[in-house]
C-alpha atoms as a PDB file:
ATOM      1  CA  UNK A   1      37.397 135.577 153.096  1.00  0.00           C
ATOM      2  CA  UNK A   2      34.704 133.498 154.548  1.00  0.00           C
ATOM      3  CA  UNK A   3      32.128 135.125 152.162  1.00  0.00           C
ATOM      4  CA  UNK A   4      34.177 134.211 149.063  1.00  0.00           C
ATOM      5  CA  UNK A   5      34.203 130.599 150.136  1.00  0.00           C
ATOM      6  CA  UNK A   6      30.599 130.064 150.246  1.00  0.00           C
ATOM      7  CA  UNK A   7      29.729 130.698 146.602  1.00  0.00           C
ATOM      8  CA  UNK A   8      32.477 128.660 145.581  1.00  0.00           C
ATOM      9  CA  UNK A   9      31.385 125.642 147.556  1.00  0.00           C
ATOM     10  CA  UNK A  10      27.857 126.170 146.122  1.00  0.00           C
ATOM     11  CA  UNK A  11      29.038 126.159 142.607  1.00  0.00           C
ATOM     12  CA  UNK A  12      31.176 123.073 143.133  1.00  0.00           C
ATOM     13  CA  UNK A  13      27.899 121.177 144.109  1.00  0.00           C
ATOM     14  CA  UNK A  14      26.169 122.324 141.070  1.00  0.00           C
ATOM     15  CA  UNK A  15      29.005 121.275 138.884  1.00  0.00           C
ATOM     16  CA  UNK A  16      29.102 117.602 140.118  1.00  0.00           C
ATOM     17  CA  UNK A  17      28.952 114.827 137.387  1.00  0.00           C
ATOM     18  CA  UNK A  18      25.370 113.941 136.413  1.00  0.00           C
ATOM     19  CA  UNK A  19      24.095 110.265 136.279  1.00  0.00           C
ATOM     20  CA  UNK A  20      24.316 108.866 133.014  1.00  0.00           C
ATOM     21  CA  UNK A  21      21.892 106.250 131.247  1.00  0.00           C
ATOM     22  CA  UNK A  22      22.611 104.152 128.260  1.00  0.00           C
ATOM     23  CA  UNK A  23      19.863 102.343 126.365  1.00  0.00           C
ATOM     24  CA  UNK A  24      20.306  99.244 124.254  1.00  0.00           C
ATOM     25  CA  UNK A  25      17.737  97.825 121.830  1.00  0.00           C
ATOM     26  CA  UNK A  26      16.896  93.994 121.621  1.00  0.00           C
ATOM     27  CA  UNK A  27      17.001  93.720 117.959  1.00  0.00           C
ATOM     28  CA  UNK A  28      18.789  90.490 117.314  1.00  0.00           C
ATOM     29  CA  UNK A  29      16.193  87.682 116.608  1.00  0.00           C
ATOM     30  CA  UNK A  30      16.794  84.025 117.293  1.00  0.00           C
ATOM     31  CA  UNK A  31      13.210  82.934 117.713  1.00  0.00           C
ATOM     32  CA  UNK A  32      12.404  79.529 116.178  1.00  0.00           C
ATOM     33  CA  UNK A  33      10.181  79.582 112.959  1.00  0.00           C
ATOM     34  CA  UNK A  34       9.831  83.473 113.271  1.00  0.00           C
ATOM     35  CA  UNK A  35      10.100  85.365 109.918  1.00  0.00           C
ATOM     36  CA  UNK A  36      13.194  87.283 111.386  1.00  0.00           C
ATOM     37  CA  UNK A  37      15.321  84.298 112.531  1.00  0.00           C
ATOM     38  CA  UNK A  38      18.182  84.333 112.091  1.00  0.00           C
ATOM     39  CA  UNK A  39      18.232  88.136 111.745  1.00  0.00           C
ATOM     40  CA  UNK A  40      17.579  91.514 112.931  1.00  0.00           C
ATOM     41  CA  UNK A  41      14.460  93.778 113.178  1.00  0.00           C
ATOM     42  CA  UNK A  42      14.993  97.560 113.217  1.00  0.00           C
ATOM     43  CA  UNK A  43      15.296  99.796 116.250  1.00  0.00           C
ATOM     44  CA  UNK A  44      11.746 100.808 115.550  1.00  0.00           C
ATOM     45  CA  UNK A  45      10.521  97.245 115.646  1.00  0.00           C
ATOM     46  CA  UNK A  46      12.652  96.166 118.685  1.00  0.00           C
ATOM     47  CA  UNK A  47      11.567  93.418 120.978  1.00  0.00           C
ATOM     48  CA  UNK A  48      12.463  95.406 123.828  1.00  0.00           C
ATOM     49  CA  UNK A  49      15.208  97.474 125.362  1.00  0.00           C
ATOM     50  CA  UNK A  50      17.841  97.386 128.282  1.00  0.00           C
ATOM     51  CA  UNK A  51      18.474 100.740 130.194  1.00  0.00           C
ATOM     52  CA  UNK A  52      21.446 100.925 132.378  1.00  0.00           C
ATOM     53  CA  UNK A  53      21.738 104.105 134.778  1.00  0.00           C
ATOM     54  CA  UNK A  54      24.887 104.835 136.827  1.00  0.00           C
ATOM     55  CA  UNK A  55      23.944 105.646 140.413  1.00  0.00           C
ATOM     56  CA  UNK A  56      27.018 106.346 142.445  1.00  0.00           C
ATOM     57  CA  UNK A  57      28.979 103.041 142.420  1.00  0.00           C
ATOM     58  CA  UNK A  58      26.072 100.986 141.501  1.00  0.00           C
ATOM     59  CA  UNK A  59      24.094 100.602 138.093  1.00  0.00           C
ATOM     60  CA  UNK A  60      20.351 100.270 137.967  1.00  0.00           C
ATOM     61  CA  UNK A  61      19.057  97.951 135.153  1.00  0.00           C
ATOM     62  CA  UNK A  62      15.523  97.907 133.620  1.00  0.00           C
ATOM     63  CA  UNK A  63      14.738  95.615 130.870  1.00  0.00           C
ATOM     64  CA  UNK A  64      11.501  96.479 129.116  1.00  0.00           C
ATOM     65  CA  UNK A  65       9.575  94.376 126.531  1.00  0.00           C
ATOM     66  CA  UNK A  66       7.616  95.834 123.737  1.00  0.00           C
ATOM     67  CA  UNK A  67       4.717  94.965 121.364  1.00  0.00           C
ATOM     68  CA  UNK A  68       3.133  92.528 123.840  1.00  0.00           C
ATOM     69  CA  UNK A  69       6.127  90.336 124.473  1.00  0.00           C
ATOM     70  CA  UNK A  70       6.620  88.701 127.793  1.00  0.00           C
ATOM     71  CA  UNK A  71       9.516  87.068 129.458  1.00  0.00           C
ATOM     72  CA  UNK A  72       9.749  83.196 129.333  1.00  0.00           C
ATOM     73  CA  UNK A  73      12.066  80.392 130.595  1.00  0.00           C
ATOM     74  CA  UNK A  74      13.171  77.948 128.034  1.00  0.00           C
ATOM     75  CA  UNK A  75      16.425  75.998 127.336  1.00  0.00           C
ATOM     76  CA  UNK A  76      17.195  78.383 124.415  1.00  0.00           C
ATOM     77  CA  UNK A  77      17.802  81.178 126.984  1.00  0.00           C
ATOM     78  CA  UNK A  78      19.953  79.371 129.374  1.00  0.00           C
ATOM     79  CA  UNK A  79      16.702  78.510 131.432  1.00  0.00           C
ATOM     80  CA  UNK A  80      16.828  82.310 132.475  1.00  0.00           C
ATOM     81  CA  UNK A  81      14.665  85.292 131.985  1.00  0.00           C
ATOM     82  CA  UNK A  82      17.732  87.412 131.207  1.00  0.00           C
ATOM     83  CA  UNK A  83      21.417  86.959 130.994  1.00  0.00           C
ATOM     84  CA  UNK A  84      24.243  89.492 130.824  1.00  0.00           C
ATOM     85  CA  UNK A  85      28.045  89.507 131.617  1.00  0.00           C
ATOM     86  CA  UNK A  86      29.471  90.215 135.037  1.00  0.00           C
ATOM     87  CA  UNK A  87      32.559  88.716 136.319  1.00  0.00           C
ATOM     88  CA  UNK A  88      33.705  91.878 138.304  1.00  0.00           C
ATOM     89  CA  UNK A  89      34.917  90.820 141.848  1.00  0.00           C
ATOM     90  CA  UNK A  90      32.712  92.348 144.481  1.00  0.00           C
ATOM     91  CA  UNK A  91      29.709  93.149 142.266  1.00  0.00           C
ATOM     92  CA  UNK A  92      26.430  91.760 143.386  1.00  0.00           C
ATOM     93  CA  UNK A  93      22.642  91.537 142.044  1.00  0.00           C
ATOM     94  CA  UNK A  94      20.098  93.189 144.293  1.00  0.00           C
ATOM     95  CA  UNK A  95      16.489  94.193 144.475  1.00  0.00           C
ATOM     96  CA  UNK A  96      15.053  92.192 141.436  1.00  0.00           C
ATOM     97  CA  UNK A  97      11.395  92.698 140.853  1.00  0.00           C
ATOM     98  CA  UNK A  98       9.218  91.977 137.882  1.00  0.00           C
ATOM     99  CA  UNK A  99       6.190  93.929 136.535  1.00  0.00           C
ATOM    100  CA  UNK A 100       3.521  93.737 133.913  1.00  0.00           C
ATOM    101  CA  UNK A 101       3.063  97.028 132.231  1.00  0.00           C
ATOM    102  CA  UNK A 102       4.395  98.513 135.429  1.00  0.00           C
ATOM    103  CA  UNK A 103       2.220  96.829 137.868  1.00  0.00           C
ATOM    104  CA  UNK A 104       4.159  94.562 140.286  1.00  0.00           C
ATOM    105  CA  UNK A 105       3.772  90.937 140.131  1.00  0.00           C
ATOM    106  CA  UNK A 106       3.597  89.634 143.759  1.00  0.00           C
ATOM    107  CA  UNK A 107       3.038  85.975 142.863  1.00  0.00           C
ATOM    108  CA  UNK A 108       6.499  85.408 141.496  1.00  0.00           C
ATOM    109  CA  UNK A 109       9.851  85.249 143.122  1.00  0.00           C
ATOM    110  CA  UNK A 110      13.053  86.150 141.209  1.00  0.00           C
ATOM    111  CA  UNK A 111      16.591  85.075 141.768  1.00  0.00           C
ATOM    112  CA  UNK A 112      19.826  86.283 140.247  1.00  0.00           C
ATOM    113  CA  UNK A 113      23.488  86.469 140.460  1.00  0.00           C
ATOM    114  CA  UNK A 114      26.824  87.640 139.164  1.00  0.00           C
ATOM    115  CA  UNK A 115      30.206  86.163 138.951  1.00  0.00           C
ATOM    116  CA  UNK A 116      28.653  82.814 138.253  1.00  0.00           C
ATOM    117  CA  UNK A 117      30.464  79.870 136.508  1.00  0.00           C
ATOM    118  CA  UNK A 118      30.267  80.443 132.900  1.00  0.00           C
ATOM    119  CA  UNK A 119      27.103  78.972 131.268  1.00  0.00           C
ATOM    120  CA  UNK A 120      25.993  78.473 127.771  1.00  0.00           C
ATOM    121  CA  UNK A 121      22.641  80.002 126.436  1.00  0.00           C
ATOM    122  CA  UNK A 122      21.923  77.859 123.160  1.00  0.00           C
ATOM    123  CA  UNK A 123      24.918  78.927 121.138  1.00  0.00           C
ATOM    124  CA  UNK A 124      25.035  82.238 122.149  1.00  0.00           C
ATOM    125  CA  UNK A 125      28.105  82.232 123.967  1.00  0.00           C
ATOM    126  CA  UNK A 126      28.973  82.191 127.795  1.00  0.00           C
ATOM    127  CA  UNK A 127      27.383  84.354 130.249  1.00  0.00           C
ATOM    128  CA  UNK A 128      28.272  84.881 133.782  1.00  0.00           C
ATOM    129  CA  UNK A 129      25.197  86.610 135.159  1.00  0.00           C
ATOM    130  CA  UNK A 130      21.557  86.033 135.273  1.00  0.00           C
ATOM    131  CA  UNK A 131      17.923  86.650 136.413  1.00  0.00           C
ATOM    132  CA  UNK A 132      15.562  83.841 136.610  1.00  0.00           C
ATOM    133  CA  UNK A 133      12.413  82.566 138.509  1.00  0.00           C
ATOM    134  CA  UNK A 134      13.291  81.494 142.119  1.00  0.00           C
ATOM    135  CA  UNK A 135      11.464  78.103 141.457  1.00  0.00           C
ATOM    136  CA  UNK A 136      12.027  76.679 138.030  1.00  0.00           C
ATOM    137  CA  UNK A 137       8.650  74.658 138.163  1.00  0.00           C
ATOM    138  CA  UNK A 138       6.978  78.213 138.287  1.00  0.00           C
ATOM    139  CA  UNK A 139       8.410  79.390 135.141  1.00  0.00           C
ATOM    140  CA  UNK A 140       8.500  76.127 133.114  1.00  0.00           C
ATOM    141  CA  UNK A 141       7.548  77.377 129.516  1.00  0.00           C
ATOM    142  CA  UNK A 142       4.187  78.425 129.232  1.00  0.00           C
ATOM    143  CA  UNK A 143       3.901  78.412 133.030  1.00  0.00           C
ATOM    144  CA  UNK A 144       5.676  81.633 133.245  1.00  0.00           C
ATOM    145  CA  UNK A 145       3.696  84.382 134.908  1.00  0.00           C
ATOM    146  CA  UNK A 146       2.981  87.419 132.783  1.00  0.00           C
ATOM    147  CA  UNK A 147       5.792  89.756 133.054  1.00  0.00           C
ATOM    148  CA  UNK A 148       7.331  92.222 130.630  1.00  0.00           C
ATOM    149  CA  UNK A 149       9.712  94.504 132.696  1.00  0.00           C
ATOM    150  CA  UNK A 150      12.491  93.322 135.011  1.00  0.00           C
ATOM    151  CA  UNK A 151      14.060  95.638 137.477  1.00  0.00           C
ATOM    152  CA  UNK A 152      17.165  95.247 139.381  1.00  0.00           C
ATOM    153  CA  UNK A 153      20.657  96.744 140.687  1.00  0.00           C
ATOM    154  CA  UNK A 154      24.092  95.474 140.124  1.00  0.00           C
ATOM    155  CA  UNK A 155      26.288  97.010 142.884  1.00  0.00           C
ATOM    156  CA  UNK A 156      30.064  98.071 142.782  1.00  0.00           C
ATOM    157  CA  UNK A 157      30.379  98.141 138.988  1.00  0.00           C
ATOM    158  CA  UNK A 158      30.532 100.760 136.263  1.00  0.00           C
ATOM    159  CA  UNK A 159      28.441 101.289 133.012  1.00  0.00           C
ATOM    160  CA  UNK A 160      31.579 100.358 130.979  1.00  0.00           C
ATOM    161  CA  UNK A 161      32.040  97.042 132.943  1.00  0.00           C
ATOM    162  CA  UNK A 162      28.441  96.011 132.668  1.00  0.00           C
ATOM    163  CA  UNK A 163      28.351  96.856 128.856  1.00  0.00           C
ATOM    164  CA  UNK A 164      30.575  94.047 128.128  1.00  0.00           C
ATOM    165  CA  UNK A 165      29.956  91.437 125.381  1.00  0.00           C
ATOM    166  CA  UNK A 166      30.714  87.825 125.496  1.00  0.00           C
ATOM    167  CA  UNK A 167      33.250  86.077 123.106  1.00  0.00           C
ATOM    168  CA  UNK A 168      30.259  85.663 120.721  1.00  0.00           C
ATOM    169  CA  UNK A 169      29.617  89.365 120.731  1.00  0.00           C
ATOM    170  CA  UNK A 170      26.480  89.382 122.739  1.00  0.00           C
ATOM    171  CA  UNK A 171      25.864  91.754 125.541  1.00  0.00           C
ATOM    172  CA  UNK A 172      22.279  91.124 126.765  1.00  0.00           C
ATOM    173  CA  UNK A 173      19.937  88.095 126.090  1.00  0.00           C
ATOM    174  CA  UNK A 174      16.219  87.850 126.974  1.00  0.00           C
ATOM    175  CA  UNK A 175      14.167  84.794 126.415  1.00  0.00           C
ATOM    176  CA  UNK A 176      10.695  85.857 125.399  1.00  0.00           C
ATOM    177  CA  UNK A 177       7.226  84.874 124.370  1.00  0.00           C
ATOM    178  CA  UNK A 178       6.336  86.773 121.256  1.00  0.00           C
ATOM    179  CA  UNK A 179       3.430  89.269 121.411  1.00  0.00           C
ATOM    180  CA  UNK A 180       0.786  89.479 118.908  1.00  0.00           C
ATOM    181  CA  UNK A 181       1.876  92.806 117.745  1.00  0.00           C
ATOM    182  CA  UNK A 182       5.570  92.007 117.470  1.00  0.00           C
ATOM    183  CA  UNK A 183       6.667  92.531 113.796  1.00  0.00           C
ATOM    184  CA  UNK A 184       8.429  89.491 112.179  1.00  0.00           C
ATOM    185  CA  UNK A 185       7.209  87.133 115.025  1.00  0.00           C
ATOM    186  CA  UNK A 186       3.739  85.392 115.350  1.00  0.00           C
ATOM    187  CA  UNK A 187       2.330  85.590 118.614  1.00  0.00           C
ATOM    188  CA  UNK A 188       3.116  82.585 120.914  1.00  0.00           C
ATOM    189  CA  UNK A 189       6.438  81.722 119.531  1.00  0.00           C
ATOM    190  CA  UNK A 190       9.247  81.377 122.072  1.00  0.00           C
ATOM    191  CA  UNK A 191      12.958  82.027 121.858  1.00  0.00           C
ATOM    192  CA  UNK A 192      15.918  84.279 122.915  1.00  0.00           C
ATOM    193  CA  UNK A 193      16.486  87.907 121.362  1.00  0.00           C
ATOM    194  CA  UNK A 194      19.688  89.849 122.134  1.00  0.00           C
ATOM    195  CA  UNK A 195      21.464  93.352 121.902  1.00  0.00           C
ATOM    196  CA  UNK A 196      25.050  93.221 120.790  1.00  0.00           C
ATOM    197  CA  UNK A 197      27.525  96.003 120.652  1.00  0.00           C
ATOM    198  CA  UNK A 198      25.476  98.785 119.255  1.00  0.00           C
ATOM    199  CA  UNK A 199      23.887 101.198 121.658  1.00  0.00           C
ATOM    200  CA  UNK A 200      21.500 104.192 121.513  1.00  0.00           C
ATOM    201  CA  UNK A 201      22.892 107.048 123.795  1.00  0.00           C
ATOM    202  CA  UNK A 202      20.794 107.563 126.744  1.00  0.00           C
ATOM    203  CA  UNK A 203      19.700 110.863 128.528  1.00  0.00           C
ATOM    204  CA  UNK A 204      22.098 112.661 130.731  1.00  0.00           C
ATOM    205  CA  UNK A 205      20.206 112.841 134.179  1.00  0.00           C
ATOM    206  CA  UNK A 206      20.522 116.148 136.394  1.00  0.00           C
ATOM    207  CA  UNK A 207      21.926 118.344 133.502  1.00  0.00           C
ATOM    208  CA  UNK A 208      19.815 121.252 131.742  1.00  0.00           C
ATOM    209  CA  UNK A 209      19.056 124.969 131.963  1.00  0.00           C
ATOM    210  CA  UNK A 210      18.424 125.057 135.834  1.00  0.00           C
ATOM    211  CA  UNK A 211      21.791 123.819 136.873  1.00  0.00           C
ATOM    212  CA  UNK A 212      23.278 126.549 134.484  1.00  0.00           C
ATOM    213  CA  UNK A 213      21.186 129.280 135.496  1.00  0.00           C
ATOM    214  CA  UNK A 214      21.901 128.613 139.272  1.00  0.00           C
ATOM    215  CA  UNK A 215      25.715 128.275 138.390  1.00  0.00           C
ATOM    216  CA  UNK A 216      25.675 131.591 136.677  1.00  0.00           C
ATOM    217  CA  UNK A 217      23.823 133.345 139.734  1.00  0.00           C
ATOM    218  CA  UNK A 218      26.487 131.815 141.957  1.00  0.00           C
ATOM    219  CA  UNK A 219      29.128 133.380 139.716  1.00  0.00           C
ATOM    220  CA  UNK A 220      27.431 136.785 139.660  1.00  0.00           C
ATOM    221  CA  UNK A 221      27.064 136.911 143.359  1.00  0.00           C
ATOM    222  CA  UNK A 222      30.912 136.172 143.688  1.00  0.00           C
ATOM    223  CA  UNK A 223      31.838 138.931 141.147  1.00  0.00           C
ATOM    224  CA  UNK A 224      29.530 141.478 142.761  1.00  0.00           C
ATOM    225  CA  UNK A 225      31.386 140.785 146.118  1.00  0.00           C
ATOM    226  CA  UNK A 226      34.799 141.180 144.746  1.00  0.00           C
ATOM    227  CA  UNK A 227      33.778 144.405 142.968  1.00  0.00           C
ATOM    228  CA  UNK A 228      32.417 145.688 146.117  1.00  0.00           C
ATOM    229  CA  UNK A 229      35.666 144.779 147.901  1.00  0.00           C
ATOM    230  CA  UNK A 230      37.615 146.585 145.171  1.00  0.00           C
ATOM    231  CA  UNK A 231      35.548 149.797 145.527  1.00  0.00           C
ATOM    232  CA  UNK A 232      36.177 149.615 149.266  1.00  0.00           C
ATOM    233  CA  UNK A 233      39.913 149.537 148.562  1.00  0.00           C
ATOM    234  CA  UNK A 234      39.769 152.401 145.867  1.00  0.00           C
ATOM    235  CA  UNK A 235      37.750 154.669 148.380  1.00  0.00           C
ATOM    236  CA  UNK A 236      39.978 154.079 151.223  1.00  0.00           C
END
C-alpha cells in the first residue's frame, strides 16, 4: 500500500497550479501638446507595459517604459511616478526599486503605499496606491533621475483585486518624460499615460511539456505496480 501512495503524492505535486502573469499596455495618451493627446496609440507603439505575476498570496509588479520614455513626477500624475488601485485591507507594498535599462539606480530612494486616502491624478479619477520618490525635491520634474523600470511587490492580494479600475475606468497610470523614439510624442514632453480595462493575456509560468512528461511517467510507474500486483494474484 505504501508503494502506491508515493507516485500519487509525486503526481499531486506536479499538478499544482502554476503562477500566472497578466500584461497591460500603457496606450492611453494624455501628454500635453503630443499628437496623441487625447487619444490612444496602438499596442505596438505603447508607452510601456505593466506586468503582474501572482506569487503565492502576493503579486509582483514590473512597470517597463519603452521607446526611450522615462518616469517623471509632475502634478499631472498626482506627483507620483506610478498610480494604481488597492484598498484591500492587509495588503502592503514592499521591495520597491527602480532601474534604467535593467541597471539598478542606487542614487534614488522610492516610497509607496496602498490603502491611501483617495487622491486625484489630474482628472483621471481617484487612486488609492502609488510609487513615488522618497524625497519630492529629488524628482521635481526635470530633476527626476533617469529610470524606466519600476519593480515592487504587493502582499496579501490577488491579480483580480489588483487589476481593478477606478471610477474613471483607469487601472494604472504612469507619469512619463517622452522619449525621442516614442510615436506620437515629441521627446521631452511630459504627462500621464494609462492602461484601462483591456489586457494582454500573459504567459503561464511553470506549465509545459516537462511537467506533462513527468506526470505521465508517474502514472506509468503506478500502472506497472498495479499490473504486477494483479499478476501476483493470478499466479497464486
